[in-house]
Amino acid sequence: MLARSSLARIASQPSPLGAAPKTARNMATLREIELRLKSVRNIEKITKSMKMIASTKLAKAQRAMNSGKQYGLANSEIFQHAPSEAPAKRKLFIVVSSDKGLCGGIHSSVSKATRRAIADTENPVDADSPIMVIGDKSKSQLARVVSKNLAMSFNQIGRDIPTFADAAGVADLVMKSNVQYDSIVIVYNKFISAVSYEPAIIEVVNENSLKESAGFRAYEMEDDVTRDLAEFSLANAIYAALVEGHACEQSARRNAMDNASKNAKDMIDRLTMQYNRGRQAAITNELVDIITGASAL
């Protein structure tokens, strides 16, 4: 009985100065939830703003894509009337992506398509085919797998709507490079709709293949004509791939920001419910303490 009375006196003594109350853990948890709610709300505002910006840019990108597709159609007509008689033994892959992220699987899509194209080639020489990349994102992805194949990379292209001057500059550097190839394969994202895209391939023959085709041998032309036509056809194909890839990027960024906003909203709802439950539990505990103290008195 003496021991019990001593324990009762000790338990009834007030807490020492500076000691944390019993609900300190709950209050700290509520404070953490409140700070997390604030940060998630800020993230939701950012993703919604980025979605609106991407939606505005998508309309402009689609208009540029529709006009840029005419360049690709002109190229396809040329190569249909002048097909290459000998199959290409060594191909140069030009991968079209961009330097920006937060746009879903745009960059990984063309990177995977390039790796599949190299792995599925029947000619073993094509396993060492050179690769040129437009954009830092796909470059970093391909550098981890086929770093020995990377011959050249381009950046700061497509920050805004791509122009023909950008494509002509890339084509000029490709033609002046010392890379040996029989044909050029351009890997890019094909725009299907505002919510879907798929990787596609455009093949462009080089100057020698144009000279050896039956359609060009029927006419007497100087070497400069064939060389200029090959470079112009390459610039056309790159420009068509750039504008279509840019439209796919804006569409994917809008969809990614829309999904991020929805996820943030779901997280806000869960955190709000968790905060309300914790706050209600803390108030209930305080009421129990007050009622218990009043009953003891």
C-alpha atoms as a PDB file:
ATOM      1  CA  MET A   1       0.000   0.000   0.000  1.00  0.00           C
ATOM      2  CA  LEU A   2       2.857   2.351   0.788  1.00  0.00           C
ATOM      3  CA  ALA A   3       4.502   1.695  -2.539  1.00  0.00           C
ATOM      4  CA  ARG A   4       1.245   2.318  -4.381  1.00  0.00           C
ATOM      5  CA  SER A   5       0.651   5.602  -2.579  1.00  0.00           C
ATOM      6  CA  SER A   6       4.217   6.733  -3.362  1.00  0.00           C
ATOM      7  CA  LEU A   7       3.754   5.944  -7.054  1.00  0.00           C
ATOM      8  CA  ALA A   8       0.458   7.821  -7.047  1.00  0.00           C
ATOM      9  CA  ARG A   9       2.109  10.919  -5.557  1.00  0.00           C
ATOM     10  CA  ILE A  10       4.914  10.764  -8.107  1.00  0.00           C
ATOM     11  CA  ALA A  11       2.456  10.413 -10.973  1.00  0.00           C
ATOM     12  CA  SER A  12       0.354  13.319  -9.727  1.00  0.00           C
ATOM     13  CA  GLN A  13       3.318  15.693  -9.500  1.00  0.00           C
ATOM     14  CA  PRO A  14       3.514  18.343 -12.280  1.00  0.00           C
ATOM     15  CA  SER A  15       5.925  17.846 -15.157  1.00  0.00           C
ATOM     16  CA  PRO A  16       9.344  19.447 -14.834  1.00  0.00           C
ATOM     17  CA  LEU A  17       9.928  22.811 -16.444  1.00  0.00           C
ATOM     18  CA  GLY A  18      10.581  22.502 -20.201  1.00  0.00           C
ATOM     19  CA  ALA A  19       9.266  18.947 -20.555  1.00  0.00           C
ATOM     20  CA  ALA A  20       7.213  18.203 -23.691  1.00  0.00           C
ATOM     21  CA  PRO A  21       3.507  17.553 -23.214  1.00  0.00           C
ATOM     22  CA  LYS A  22       1.946  14.216 -24.073  1.00  0.00           C
ATOM     23  CA  THR A  23       0.528  15.546 -27.347  1.00  0.00           C
ATOM     24  CA  ALA A  24       3.905  16.865 -28.564  1.00  0.00           C
ATOM     25  CA  ARG A  25       4.350  13.931 -30.934  1.00  0.00           C
ATOM     26  CA  ASN A  26       0.909  14.489 -32.449  1.00  0.00           C
ATOM     27  CA  MET A  27       1.536  18.221 -32.827  1.00  0.00           C
ATOM     28  CA  ALA A  28       4.885  17.579 -34.533  1.00  0.00           C
ATOM     29  CA  THR A  29       3.218  15.145 -36.913  1.00  0.00           C
ATOM     30  CA  LEU A  30       0.477  17.655 -37.710  1.00  0.00           C
ATOM     31  CA  ARG A  31       3.087  20.328 -38.363  1.00  0.00           C
ATOM     32  CA  GLU A  32       4.936  18.010 -40.783  1.00  0.00           C
ATOM     33  CA  ILE A  33       1.701  17.180 -42.600  1.00  0.00           C
ATOM     34  CA  GLU A  34       0.868  20.889 -42.852  1.00  0.00           C
ATOM     35  CA  LEU A  35       4.259  21.696 -44.366  1.00  0.00           C
ATOM     36  CA  ARG A  36       3.936  18.820 -46.812  1.00  0.00           C
ATOM     37  CA  LEU A  37       0.470  20.003 -47.808  1.00  0.00           C
ATOM     38  CA  LYS A  38       1.873  23.439 -48.524  1.00  0.00           C
ATOM     39  CA  SER A  39       4.670  22.058 -50.706  1.00  0.00           C
ATOM     40  CA  VAL A  40       2.318  19.775 -52.661  1.00  0.00           C
ATOM     41  CA  ARG A  41      -0.061  22.689 -53.297  1.00  0.00           C
ATOM     42  CA  ASN A  42       2.853  24.719 -54.660  1.00  0.00           C
ATOM     43  CA  ILE A  43       3.825  21.825 -56.917  1.00  0.00           C
ATOM     44  CA  GLU A  44       0.249  21.607 -58.187  1.00  0.00           C
ATOM     45  CA  LYS A  45       0.312  25.302 -59.087  1.00  0.00           C
ATOM     46  CA  ILE A  46       3.560  24.819 -61.024  1.00  0.00           C
ATOM     47  CA  THR A  47       2.327  21.764 -62.949  1.00  0.00           C
ATOM     48  CA  LYS A  48      -0.924  23.507 -63.866  1.00  0.00           C
ATOM     49  CA  SER A  49       1.004  26.516 -65.166  1.00  0.00           C
ATOM     50  CA  MET A  50       3.331  24.288 -67.189  1.00  0.00           C
ATOM     51  CA  LYS A  51       0.318  22.470 -68.632  1.00  0.00           C
ATOM     52  CA  MET A  52      -1.197  25.762 -69.801  1.00  0.00           C
ATOM     53  CA  ILE A  53       2.106  26.826 -71.367  1.00  0.00           C
ATOM     54  CA  ALA A  54       2.513  23.467 -73.126  1.00  0.00           C
ATOM     55  CA  SER A  55      -1.065  23.659 -74.440  1.00  0.00           C
ATOM     56  CA  THR A  56      -0.330  27.065 -75.963  1.00  0.00           C
ATOM     57  CA  LYS A  57       2.923  25.863 -77.521  1.00  0.00           C
ATOM     58  CA  LEU A  58       1.248  22.697 -78.840  1.00  0.00           C
ATOM     59  CA  ALA A  59      -1.072  24.692 -81.115  1.00  0.00           C
ATOM     60  CA  LYS A  60       1.902  26.521 -82.654  1.00  0.00           C
ATOM     61  CA  ALA A  61       3.895  23.292 -82.946  1.00  0.00           C
ATOM     62  CA  GLN A  62       1.047  21.570 -84.791  1.00  0.00           C
ATOM     63  CA  ARG A  63       0.837  24.393 -87.331  1.00  0.00           C
ATOM     64  CA  ALA A  64       4.593  24.201 -87.915  1.00  0.00           C
ATOM     65  CA  MET A  65       4.376  20.409 -88.189  1.00  0.00           C
ATOM     66  CA  ASN A  66       1.667  20.552 -90.862  1.00  0.00           C
ATOM     67  CA  SER A  67       3.771  22.884 -92.995  1.00  0.00           C
ATOM     68  CA  GLY A  68       6.988  20.973 -92.327  1.00  0.00           C
ATOM     69  CA  LYS A  69       5.513  17.659 -93.416  1.00  0.00           C
ATOM     70  CA  GLN A  70       5.505  18.932 -97.002  1.00  0.00           C
ATOM     71  CA  TYR A  71       9.304  18.768 -96.990  1.00  0.00           C
ATOM     72  CA  GLY A  72       9.215  15.115 -96.010  1.00  0.00           C
ATOM     73  CA  LEU A  73       6.635  14.300 -98.688  1.00  0.00           C
ATOM     74  CA  ALA A  74       8.821  15.919-101.346  1.00  0.00           C
ATOM     75  CA  ASN A  75      11.750  13.771-100.215  1.00  0.00           C
ATOM     76  CA  SER A  76       9.736  10.557-100.364  1.00  0.00           C
ATOM     77  CA  GLU A  77       8.685  11.312-103.950  1.00  0.00           C
ATOM     78  CA  ILE A  78      12.312  11.786-104.976  1.00  0.00           C
ATOM     79  CA  PHE A  79      13.431   8.487-103.466  1.00  0.00           C
ATOM     80  CA  GLN A  80      10.437   6.634-104.918  1.00  0.00           C
ATOM     81  CA  HIS A  81      11.427   7.666-108.433  1.00  0.00           C
ATOM     82  CA  ALA A  82      15.133   7.013-107.792  1.00  0.00           C
ATOM     83  CA  PRO A  83      15.381   3.913-105.580  1.00  0.00           C
ATOM     84  CA  SER A  84      18.804   2.636-104.592  1.00  0.00           C
ATOM     85  CA  GLU A  85      19.700  -0.567-106.408  1.00  0.00           C
ATOM     86  CA  ALA A  86      22.279  -1.888-103.904  1.00  0.00           C
ATOM     87  CA  PRO A  87      21.283  -2.331-100.231  1.00  0.00           C
ATOM     88  CA  ALA A  88      23.083  -0.100 -97.774  1.00  0.00           C
ATOM     89  CA  LYS A  89      25.820  -1.885 -95.847  1.00  0.00           C
ATOM     90  CA  ARG A  90      26.684   0.868 -93.394  1.00  0.00           C
ATOM     91  CA  LYS A  91      23.995   3.160 -92.029  1.00  0.00           C
ATOM     92  CA  LEU A  92      24.300   6.423 -90.166  1.00  0.00           C
ATOM     93  CA  PHE A  93      21.604   6.858 -87.500  1.00  0.00           C
ATOM     94  CA  ILE A  94      20.453  10.384 -86.678  1.00  0.00           C
ATOM     95  CA  VAL A  95      18.339  10.412 -83.505  1.00  0.00           C
ATOM     96  CA  VAL A  96      16.007  13.407 -83.113  1.00  0.00           C
ATOM     97  CA  SER A  97      15.163  14.404 -79.520  1.00  0.00           C
ATOM     98  CA  SER A  98      15.656  17.572 -77.434  1.00  0.00           C
ATOM     99  CA  ASP A  99      17.484  18.998 -74.421  1.00  0.00           C
ATOM    100  CA  LYS A 100      14.415  19.362 -72.186  1.00  0.00           C
ATOM    101  CA  GLY A 101      12.778  16.874 -69.853  1.00  0.00           C
ATOM    102  CA  LEU A 102       9.407  16.567 -68.090  1.00  0.00           C
ATOM    103  CA  CYS A 103       7.818  15.200 -71.259  1.00  0.00           C
ATOM    104  CA  GLY A 104       7.147  11.539 -70.556  1.00  0.00           C
ATOM    105  CA  GLY A 105       8.854   8.862 -72.648  1.00  0.00           C
ATOM    106  CA  ILE A 106       9.671  11.025 -75.661  1.00  0.00           C
ATOM    107  CA  HIS A 107      13.434  10.567 -75.395  1.00  0.00           C
ATOM    108  CA  SER A 108      13.442   6.927 -74.325  1.00  0.00           C
ATOM    109  CA  SER A 109      11.116   6.122 -77.236  1.00  0.00           C
ATOM    110  CA  VAL A 110      13.617   7.113 -79.940  1.00  0.00           C
ATOM    111  CA  SER A 111      16.540   5.683 -77.948  1.00  0.00           C
ATOM    112  CA  LYS A 112      14.894   2.268 -77.736  1.00  0.00           C
ATOM    113  CA  ALA A 113      13.932   2.403 -81.410  1.00  0.00           C
ATOM    114  CA  THR A 114      17.562   3.153 -82.336  1.00  0.00           C
ATOM    115  CA  ARG A 115      18.857   0.238 -80.272  1.00  0.00           C
ATOM    116  CA  ARG A 116      16.295  -2.080 -81.851  1.00  0.00           C
ATOM    117  CA  ALA A 117      17.219  -0.903 -85.347  1.00  0.00           C
ATOM    118  CA  ILE A 118      20.904  -1.603 -84.687  1.00  0.00           C
ATOM    119  CA  ALA A 119      20.261  -4.979 -83.049  1.00  0.00           C
ATOM    120  CA  ASP A 120      17.842  -6.177 -85.748  1.00  0.00           C
ATOM    121  CA  THR A 121      20.136  -5.528 -88.680  1.00  0.00           C
ATOM    122  CA  GLU A 122      21.081  -8.662 -90.576  1.00  0.00           C
ATOM    123  CA  ASN A 123      24.453  -7.347 -91.686  1.00  0.00           C
ATOM    124  CA  PRO A 124      27.019  -7.699 -88.857  1.00  0.00           C
ATOM    125  CA  VAL A 125      28.813  -4.571 -90.058  1.00  0.00           C
ATOM    126  CA  ASP A 126      25.762  -2.505 -89.034  1.00  0.00           C
ATOM    127  CA  ALA A 127      26.427  -3.317 -85.378  1.00  0.00           C
ATOM    128  CA  ASP A 128      29.138  -0.612 -85.536  1.00  0.00           C
ATOM    129  CA  SER A 129      26.965   1.904 -87.357  1.00  0.00           C
ATOM    130  CA  PRO A 130      27.688   5.498 -86.292  1.00  0.00           C
ATOM    131  CA  ILE A 131      25.066   7.459 -84.376  1.00  0.00           C
ATOM    132  CA  MET A 132      24.503  11.203 -84.294  1.00  0.00           C
ATOM    133  CA  VAL A 133      22.095  12.602 -81.708  1.00  0.00           C
ATOM    134  CA  ILE A 134      20.122  15.847 -81.725  1.00  0.00           C
ATOM    135  CA  GLY A 135      19.413  16.627 -78.061  1.00  0.00           C
ATOM    136  CA  ASP A 136      21.208  15.913 -74.803  1.00  0.00           C
ATOM    137  CA  LYS A 137      18.516  13.673 -73.303  1.00  0.00           C
ATOM    138  CA  SER A 138      18.762  10.845 -75.837  1.00  0.00           C
ATOM    139  CA  LYS A 139      22.512  11.331 -75.983  1.00  0.00           C
ATOM    140  CA  SER A 140      22.875  10.525 -72.270  1.00  0.00           C
ATOM    141  CA  GLN A 141      20.626   7.472 -72.681  1.00  0.00           C
ATOM    142  CA  LEU A 142      22.490   6.071 -75.689  1.00  0.00           C
ATOM    143  CA  ALA A 143      25.882   6.853 -74.158  1.00  0.00           C
ATOM    144  CA  ARG A 144      25.201   4.257 -71.451  1.00  0.00           C
ATOM    145  CA  VAL A 145      24.553   1.480 -73.989  1.00  0.00           C
ATOM    146  CA  VAL A 146      26.244   2.251 -77.335  1.00  0.00           C
ATOM    147  CA  SER A 147      28.799   4.864 -76.384  1.00  0.00           C
ATOM    148  CA  LYS A 148      31.320   3.550 -78.937  1.00  0.00           C
ATOM    149  CA  ASN A 149      28.861   4.272 -81.782  1.00  0.00           C
ATOM    150  CA  LEU A 150      28.327   7.952 -80.915  1.00  0.00           C
ATOM    151  CA  ALA A 151      30.026  10.058 -83.562  1.00  0.00           C
ATOM    152  CA  MET A 152      28.509  13.522 -83.047  1.00  0.00           C
ATOM    153  CA  SER A 153      25.846  15.279 -81.000  1.00  0.00           C
ATOM    154  CA  PHE A 154      23.920  18.531 -81.351  1.00  0.00           C
ATOM    155  CA  ASN A 155      22.237  20.603 -78.655  1.00  0.00           C
ATOM    156  CA  GLN A 156      20.370  23.906 -78.308  1.00  0.00           C
ATOM    157  CA  ILE A 157      18.218  22.874 -81.292  1.00  0.00           C
ATOM    158  CA  GLY A 158      14.461  22.938 -80.954  1.00  0.00           C
ATOM    159  CA  ARG A 159      14.291  25.134 -77.854  1.00  0.00           C
ATOM    160  CA  ASP A 160      11.580  26.952 -79.755  1.00  0.00           C
ATOM    161  CA  ILE A 161       9.836  25.808 -82.945  1.00  0.00           C
ATOM    162  CA  PRO A 162      12.583  24.331 -85.189  1.00  0.00           C
ATOM    163  CA  THR A 163      13.393  26.173 -88.398  1.00  0.00           C
ATOM    164  CA  PHE A 164      14.801  25.026 -91.698  1.00  0.00           C
ATOM    165  CA  ALA A 165      18.011  26.887 -90.859  1.00  0.00           C
ATOM    166  CA  ASP A 166      18.505  24.559 -87.865  1.00  0.00           C
ATOM    167  CA  ALA A 167      18.033  21.505 -90.073  1.00  0.00           C
ATOM    168  CA  ALA A 168      20.333  22.927 -92.766  1.00  0.00           C
ATOM    169  CA  GLY A 169      23.063  23.525 -90.163  1.00  0.00           C
ATOM    170  CA  VAL A 170      22.814  19.932 -88.934  1.00  0.00           C
ATOM    171  CA  ALA A 171      22.858  18.584 -92.507  1.00  0.00           C
ATOM    172  CA  ASP A 172      25.922  20.691 -93.359  1.00  0.00           C
ATOM    173  CA  LEU A 173      27.857  19.347 -90.350  1.00  0.00           C
ATOM    174  CA  VAL A 174      26.842  15.781 -91.198  1.00  0.00           C
ATOM    175  CA  MET A 175      28.019  16.145 -94.809  1.00  0.00           C
ATOM    176  CA  LYS A 176      31.321  17.717 -93.711  1.00  0.00           C
ATOM    177  CA  SER A 177      32.038  15.053 -91.103  1.00  0.00           C
ATOM    178  CA  ASN A 178      34.443  12.227 -91.856  1.00  0.00           C
ATOM    179  CA  VAL A 179      31.865   9.561 -90.997  1.00  0.00           C
ATOM    180  CA  GLN A 180      31.497   6.893 -93.668  1.00  0.00           C
ATOM    181  CA  TYR A 181      28.011   5.636 -94.483  1.00  0.00           C
ATOM    182  CA  ASP A 182      25.881   4.332 -97.356  1.00  0.00           C
ATOM    183  CA  SER A 183      22.564   5.714 -96.187  1.00  0.00           C
ATOM    184  CA  ILE A 184      21.180   7.835 -93.363  1.00  0.00           C
ATOM    185  CA  VAL A 185      18.415   6.621 -91.052  1.00  0.00           C
ATOM    186  CA  ILE A 186      16.570   9.359 -89.132  1.00  0.00           C
ATOM    187  CA  VAL A 187      14.809   8.126 -85.978  1.00  0.00           C
ATOM    188  CA  TYR A 188      12.140  10.472 -84.658  1.00  0.00           C
ATOM    189  CA  ASN A 189       8.734  10.522 -82.955  1.00  0.00           C
ATOM    190  CA  LYS A 190       5.748  10.446 -85.283  1.00  0.00           C
ATOM    191  CA  PHE A 191       2.755  12.541 -84.229  1.00  0.00           C
ATOM    192  CA  ILE A 192      -0.450  10.468 -84.238  1.00  0.00           C
ATOM    193  CA  SER A 193      -2.782  12.534 -82.075  1.00  0.00           C
ATOM    194  CA  ALA A 194      -2.659  14.958 -79.168  1.00  0.00           C
ATOM    195  CA  VAL A 195      -2.337  12.051 -76.737  1.00  0.00           C
ATOM    196  CA  SER A 196      -0.267   9.481 -78.651  1.00  0.00           C
ATOM    197  CA  TYR A 197       2.912   9.169 -80.682  1.00  0.00           C
ATOM    198  CA  GLU A 198       5.196   6.405 -81.896  1.00  0.00           C
ATOM    199  CA  PRO A 199       8.812   6.130 -83.077  1.00  0.00           C
ATOM    200  CA  ALA A 200       9.312   6.228 -86.847  1.00  0.00           C
ATOM    201  CA  ILE A 201      12.191   6.008 -89.314  1.00  0.00           C
ATOM    202  CA  ILE A 202      13.068   7.992 -92.444  1.00  0.00           C
ATOM    203  CA  GLU A 203      15.836   6.659 -94.682  1.00  0.00           C
ATOM    204  CA  VAL A 204      17.814   9.070 -96.864  1.00  0.00           C
ATOM    205  CA  VAL A 205      20.329   7.813 -99.441  1.00  0.00           C
ATOM    206  CA  ASN A 206      23.699   9.475 -99.911  1.00  0.00           C
ATOM    207  CA  GLU A 207      25.247  11.075-102.962  1.00  0.00           C
ATOM    208  CA  ASN A 208      26.762   7.879-104.390  1.00  0.00           C
ATOM    209  CA  SER A 209      23.499   5.987-104.121  1.00  0.00           C
ATOM    210  CA  LEU A 210      21.714   8.740-106.016  1.00  0.00           C
ATOM    211  CA  LYS A 211      24.296   8.635-108.792  1.00  0.00           C
ATOM    212  CA  GLU A 212      24.013   4.861-109.167  1.00  0.00           C
ATOM    213  CA  SER A 213      20.198   4.799-109.280  1.00  0.00           C
ATOM    214  CA  ALA A 214      18.583   4.199-112.655  1.00  0.00           C
ATOM    215  CA  GLY A 215      16.451   7.333-112.418  1.00  0.00           C
ATOM    216  CA  PHE A 216      19.496   9.608-112.173  1.00  0.00           C
ATOM    217  CA  ARG A 217      21.678   7.740-114.672  1.00  0.00           C
ATOM    218  CA  ALA A 218      19.119   8.502-117.366  1.00  0.00           C
ATOM    219  CA  TYR A 219      20.119  12.178-117.231  1.00  0.00           C
ATOM    220  CA  GLU A 220      23.454  13.879-117.654  1.00  0.00           C
ATOM    221  CA  MET A 221      24.145  15.911-114.533  1.00  0.00           C
ATOM    222  CA  GLU A 222      27.218  17.375-112.950  1.00  0.00           C
ATOM    223  CA  ASP A 223      28.569  16.083-109.672  1.00  0.00           C
ATOM    224  CA  ASP A 224      27.630  19.272-107.865  1.00  0.00           C
ATOM    225  CA  VAL A 225      23.969  18.766-108.719  1.00  0.00           C
ATOM    226  CA  THR A 226      23.826  15.333-107.113  1.00  0.00           C
ATOM    227  CA  ARG A 227      25.798  16.465-104.068  1.00  0.00           C
ATOM    228  CA  ASP A 228      23.601  19.519-103.530  1.00  0.00           C
ATOM    229  CA  LEU A 229      20.467  17.454-104.000  1.00  0.00           C
ATOM    230  CA  ALA A 230      21.651  14.892-101.434  1.00  0.00           C
ATOM    231  CA  GLU A 231      22.394  17.622 -98.878  1.00  0.00           C
ATOM    232  CA  PHE A 232      19.107  19.403 -99.566  1.00  0.00           C
ATOM    233  CA  SER A 233      17.170  16.137 -99.237  1.00  0.00           C
ATOM    234  CA  LEU A 234      18.894  15.438 -95.918  1.00  0.00           C
ATOM    235  CA  ALA A 235      18.034  18.930 -94.644  1.00  0.00           C
ATOM    236  CA  ASN A 236      14.409  18.432 -95.717  1.00  0.00           C
ATOM    237  CA  ALA A 237      14.151  15.094 -93.930  1.00  0.00           C
ATOM    238  CA  ILE A 238      15.781  16.462 -90.751  1.00  0.00           C
ATOM    239  CA  TYR A 239      13.470  19.485 -90.750  1.00  0.00           C
ATOM    240  CA  ALA A 240      10.362  17.316 -91.139  1.00  0.00           C
ATOM    241  CA  ALA A 241      11.557  15.083 -88.271  1.00  0.00           C
ATOM    242  CA  LEU A 242      12.393  18.079 -86.053  1.00  0.00           C
ATOM    243  CA  VAL A 243       9.020  19.792 -86.358  1.00  0.00           C
ATOM    244  CA  GLU A 244       7.082  16.545 -85.876  1.00  0.00           C
ATOM    245  CA  GLY A 245       9.234  15.570 -82.916  1.00  0.00           C
ATOM    246  CA  HIS A 246       8.731  19.020 -81.395  1.00  0.00           C
ATOM    247  CA  ALA A 247       4.953  18.650 -81.662  1.00  0.00           C
ATOM    248  CA  CYS A 248       5.164  15.241 -79.976  1.00  0.00           C
ATOM    249  CA  GLU A 249       7.294  16.728 -77.206  1.00  0.00           C
ATOM    250  CA  GLN A 250       4.812  19.516 -76.448  1.00  0.00           C
ATOM    251  CA  SER A 251       1.916  17.062 -76.499  1.00  0.00           C
ATOM    252  CA  ALA A 252       3.712  14.672 -74.163  1.00  0.00           C
ATOM    253  CA  ARG A 253       4.688  17.516 -71.813  1.00  0.00           C
ATOM    254  CA  ARG A 254       1.098  18.707 -71.608  1.00  0.00           C
ATOM    255  CA  ASN A 255      -0.104  15.180 -70.829  1.00  0.00           C
ATOM    256  CA  ALA A 256       2.680  14.672 -68.273  1.00  0.00           C
ATOM    257  CA  MET A 257       1.845  17.922 -66.485  1.00  0.00           C
ATOM    258  CA  ASP A 258      -1.852  17.030 -66.541  1.00  0.00           C
ATOM    259  CA  ASN A 259      -1.113  13.673 -64.899  1.00  0.00           C
ATOM    260  CA  ALA A 260       1.192  15.358 -62.390  1.00  0.00           C
ATOM    261  CA  SER A 261      -1.550  17.841 -61.466  1.00  0.00           C
ATOM    262  CA  LYS A 262      -4.032  15.005 -60.948  1.00  0.00           C
ATOM    263  CA  ASN A 263      -1.553  13.100 -58.786  1.00  0.00           C
ATOM    264  CA  ALA A 264      -0.874  16.226 -56.728  1.00  0.00           C
ATOM    265  CA  LYS A 265      -4.602  16.744 -56.213  1.00  0.00           C
ATOM    266  CA  ASP A 266      -5.007  13.136 -55.015  1.00  0.00           C
ATOM    267  CA  MET A 267      -2.086  13.576 -52.642  1.00  0.00           C
ATOM    268  CA  ILE A 268      -3.577  16.819 -51.322  1.00  0.00           C
ATOM    269  CA  ASP A 269      -6.855  15.047 -50.611  1.00  0.00           C
ATOM    270  CA  ARG A 270      -5.099  12.233 -48.736  1.00  0.00           C
ATOM    271  CA  LEU A 271      -2.935  14.598 -46.716  1.00  0.00           C
ATOM    272  CA  THR A 272      -5.920  16.802 -45.881  1.00  0.00           C
ATOM    273  CA  MET A 273      -7.841  13.805 -44.577  1.00  0.00           C
ATOM    274  CA  GLN A 274      -4.801  12.650 -42.608  1.00  0.00           C
ATOM    275  CA  TYR A 275      -4.318  16.149 -41.172  1.00  0.00           C
ATOM    276  CA  ASN A 276      -7.981  16.430 -40.153  1.00  0.00           C
ATOM    277  CA  ARG A 277      -7.918  13.026 -38.490  1.00  0.00           C
ATOM    278  CA  GLY A 278      -4.742  13.847 -36.596  1.00  0.00           C
ATOM    279  CA  ARG A 279      -6.093  17.214 -35.510  1.00  0.00           C
ATOM    280  CA  GLN A 280      -9.321  15.603 -34.358  1.00  0.00           C
ATOM    281  CA  ALA A 281      -7.380  12.962 -32.423  1.00  0.00           C
ATOM    282  CA  ALA A 282      -5.241  15.627 -30.735  1.00  0.00           C
ATOM    283  CA  ILE A 283      -8.326  17.626 -29.715  1.00  0.00           C
ATOM    284  CA  THR A 284      -9.980  14.459 -28.379  1.00  0.00           C
ATOM    285  CA  ASN A 285      -6.909  13.624 -26.287  1.00  0.00           C
ATOM    286  CA  GLU A 286      -6.865  17.121 -24.832  1.00  0.00           C
ATOM    287  CA  LEU A 287     -10.558  16.889 -23.980  1.00  0.00           C
ATOM    288  CA  VAL A 288      -9.998  13.523 -22.286  1.00  0.00           C
ATOM    289  CA  ASP A 289      -7.187  15.013 -20.204  1.00  0.00           C
ATOM    290  CA  ILE A 290      -9.364  17.961 -19.179  1.00  0.00           C
ATOM    291  CA  ILE A 291     -12.325  15.759 -18.295  1.00  0.00           C
ATOM    292  CA  THR A 292     -10.085  13.348 -16.348  1.00  0.00           C
ATOM    293  CA  GLY A 293      -8.541  16.205 -14.413  1.00  0.00           C
ATOM    294  CA  ALA A 294     -11.931  17.691 -13.635  1.00  0.00           C
ATOM    295  CA  SER A 295     -13.230  14.322 -12.457  1.00  0.00           C
ATOM    296  CA  ALA A 296     -10.202  13.865 -10.187  1.00  0.00           C
ATOM    297  CA  LEU A 297     -10.851  17.232  -8.562  1.00  0.00           C
END
